[in-house]
Amino acid sequence: MECGVISMALETIKKLLANYKHIDESLITRETTFESIGIDSLDTVDLVIDLEEAFHIIIERDETIETVGELVDIIDELSCQEG
């Protein structure tokens, strides 16, 4: 992913979450909390692994990520560092 291409990260996360939790993608926004869509800590580990593979990055497991937007920002920042 190119540095600063946040929309690609958001769309990828929305698709993963929608498929994982069987919900409509349109219900997921940057403000959506993982708790609000039933994502627990085990789900988060699976999601992070999938995102690391999709974006060729490594996300620190000790980071507290509560919203989709926070995750998008982290992916964007890491992609900028890698690129």
C-alpha atoms as a PDB file:
ATOM      1  CA  MET A   1       0.000   0.000   0.000  1.00  0.00           C
ATOM      2  CA  GLU A   2       1.281   3.454  -0.811  1.00  0.00           C
ATOM      3  CA  CYS A   3       1.946   5.832   2.023  1.00  0.00           C
ATOM      4  CA  GLY A   4      -1.163   7.833   2.855  1.00  0.00           C
ATOM      5  CA  VAL A   5      -3.708   5.649   1.067  1.00  0.00           C
ATOM      6  CA  ILE A   6      -6.065   5.370   4.012  1.00  0.00           C
ATOM      7  CA  SER A   7      -9.187   4.482   2.009  1.00  0.00           C
ATOM      8  CA  MET A   8      -7.621   1.198   0.879  1.00  0.00           C
ATOM      9  CA  ALA A   9      -6.915   0.199   4.486  1.00  0.00           C
ATOM     10  CA  LEU A  10     -10.421   1.177   5.558  1.00  0.00           C
ATOM     11  CA  GLU A  11     -12.075  -0.802   2.769  1.00  0.00           C
ATOM     12  CA  THR A  12      -9.909  -3.861   3.497  1.00  0.00           C
ATOM     13  CA  ILE A  13     -10.705  -3.722   7.221  1.00  0.00           C
ATOM     14  CA  LYS A  14     -14.414  -3.264   6.527  1.00  0.00           C
ATOM     15  CA  LYS A  15     -14.446  -6.327   4.244  1.00  0.00           C
ATOM     16  CA  LEU A  16     -12.560  -8.462   6.762  1.00  0.00           C
ATOM     17  CA  LEU A  17     -14.814  -7.442   9.641  1.00  0.00           C
ATOM     18  CA  ALA A  18     -18.000  -7.827   7.615  1.00  0.00           C
ATOM     19  CA  ASN A  19     -17.014 -11.322   6.525  1.00  0.00           C
ATOM     20  CA  TYR A  20     -15.723 -12.291   9.966  1.00  0.00           C
ATOM     21  CA  LYS A  21     -18.817 -11.131  11.871  1.00  0.00           C
ATOM     22  CA  HIS A  22     -21.382 -11.583   9.060  1.00  0.00           C
ATOM     23  CA  ILE A  23     -22.490  -7.967   9.111  1.00  0.00           C
ATOM     24  CA  ASP A  24     -23.070  -5.368   6.399  1.00  0.00           C
ATOM     25  CA  GLU A  25     -19.932  -3.413   5.448  1.00  0.00           C
ATOM     26  CA  SER A  26     -21.949  -0.193   5.390  1.00  0.00           C
ATOM     27  CA  LEU A  27     -22.400  -0.466   9.166  1.00  0.00           C
ATOM     28  CA  ILE A  28     -18.637  -0.174   9.716  1.00  0.00           C
ATOM     29  CA  THR A  29     -17.091   3.303   9.845  1.00  0.00           C
ATOM     30  CA  ARG A  30     -13.887   4.811  11.219  1.00  0.00           C
ATOM     31  CA  GLU A  31     -15.789   5.496  14.450  1.00  0.00           C
ATOM     32  CA  THR A  32     -16.972   1.886  14.866  1.00  0.00           C
ATOM     33  CA  THR A  33     -15.555   0.291  17.995  1.00  0.00           C
ATOM     34  CA  PHE A  34     -14.526  -3.329  17.868  1.00  0.00           C
ATOM     35  CA  GLU A  35     -16.562  -3.944  21.011  1.00  0.00           C
ATOM     36  CA  SER A  36     -19.721  -2.604  19.327  1.00  0.00           C
ATOM     37  CA  ILE A  37     -19.525  -5.271  16.602  1.00  0.00           C
ATOM     38  CA  GLY A  38     -18.604  -8.101  18.939  1.00  0.00           C
ATOM     39  CA  ILE A  39     -14.847  -8.288  18.293  1.00  0.00           C
ATOM     40  CA  ASP A  40     -13.072  -9.653  21.368  1.00  0.00           C
ATOM     41  CA  SER A  41      -9.346  -9.961  22.074  1.00  0.00           C
ATOM     42  CA  LEU A  42      -9.048 -13.349  20.347  1.00  0.00           C
ATOM     43  CA  ASP A  43     -10.846 -11.992  17.279  1.00  0.00           C
ATOM     44  CA  THR A  44      -8.471  -9.027  17.300  1.00  0.00           C
ATOM     45  CA  VAL A  45      -5.432 -11.308  17.125  1.00  0.00           C
ATOM     46  CA  ASP A  46      -6.903 -13.092  14.090  1.00  0.00           C
ATOM     47  CA  LEU A  47      -7.778  -9.771  12.453  1.00  0.00           C
ATOM     48  CA  VAL A  48      -4.308  -8.333  13.042  1.00  0.00           C
ATOM     49  CA  ILE A  49      -2.669 -11.420  11.524  1.00  0.00           C
ATOM     50  CA  ASP A  50      -4.876 -11.122   8.424  1.00  0.00           C
ATOM     51  CA  LEU A  51      -4.074  -7.403   8.110  1.00  0.00           C
ATOM     52  CA  GLU A  52      -0.344  -7.954   8.562  1.00  0.00           C
ATOM     53  CA  GLU A  53      -0.433 -10.415   5.684  1.00  0.00           C
ATOM     54  CA  ALA A  54      -2.583  -8.147   3.510  1.00  0.00           C
ATOM     55  CA  PHE A  55      -0.414  -5.047   4.008  1.00  0.00           C
ATOM     56  CA  HIS A  56       2.998  -6.672   4.594  1.00  0.00           C
ATOM     57  CA  ILE A  57       3.472  -4.926   7.942  1.00  0.00           C
ATOM     58  CA  ILE A  58       3.894  -5.902  11.599  1.00  0.00           C
ATOM     59  CA  ILE A  59       1.442  -4.423  14.100  1.00  0.00           C
ATOM     60  CA  GLU A  60       2.599  -4.292  17.716  1.00  0.00           C
ATOM     61  CA  ARG A  61       0.365  -6.546  19.800  1.00  0.00           C
ATOM     62  CA  ASP A  62       0.657  -4.313  22.859  1.00  0.00           C
ATOM     63  CA  GLU A  63      -1.066  -1.370  21.178  1.00  0.00           C
ATOM     64  CA  THR A  64      -4.558  -0.588  22.435  1.00  0.00           C
ATOM     65  CA  ILE A  65      -6.780  -0.285  19.393  1.00  0.00           C
ATOM     66  CA  GLU A  66     -10.438   0.423  20.083  1.00  0.00           C
ATOM     67  CA  THR A  67     -11.842   1.754  16.809  1.00  0.00           C
ATOM     68  CA  VAL A  68     -11.600   0.942  13.125  1.00  0.00           C
ATOM     69  CA  GLY A  69     -10.181   4.424  12.524  1.00  0.00           C
ATOM     70  CA  GLU A  70      -7.343   3.873  14.996  1.00  0.00           C
ATOM     71  CA  LEU A  71      -6.450   0.649  13.198  1.00  0.00           C
ATOM     72  CA  VAL A  72      -6.565   2.369   9.800  1.00  0.00           C
ATOM     73  CA  ASP A  73      -4.233   5.096  11.079  1.00  0.00           C
ATOM     74  CA  ILE A  74      -1.775   2.527  12.447  1.00  0.00           C
ATOM     75  CA  ILE A  75      -1.745   0.629   9.147  1.00  0.00           C
ATOM     76  CA  ASP A  76      -1.234   3.873   7.230  1.00  0.00           C
ATOM     77  CA  GLU A  77       1.641   4.923   9.496  1.00  0.00           C
ATOM     78  CA  LEU A  78       3.320   1.512   9.281  1.00  0.00           C
ATOM     79  CA  SER A  79       2.912   1.451   5.507  1.00  0.00           C
ATOM     80  CA  CYS A  80       4.627   4.838   5.302  1.00  0.00           C
ATOM     81  CA  GLN A  81       7.539   3.508   7.364  1.00  0.00           C
ATOM     82  CA  GLU A  82       7.862   0.400   5.198  1.00  0.00           C
ATOM     83  CA  GLY A  83       7.660   2.318   1.933  1.00  0.00           C
END
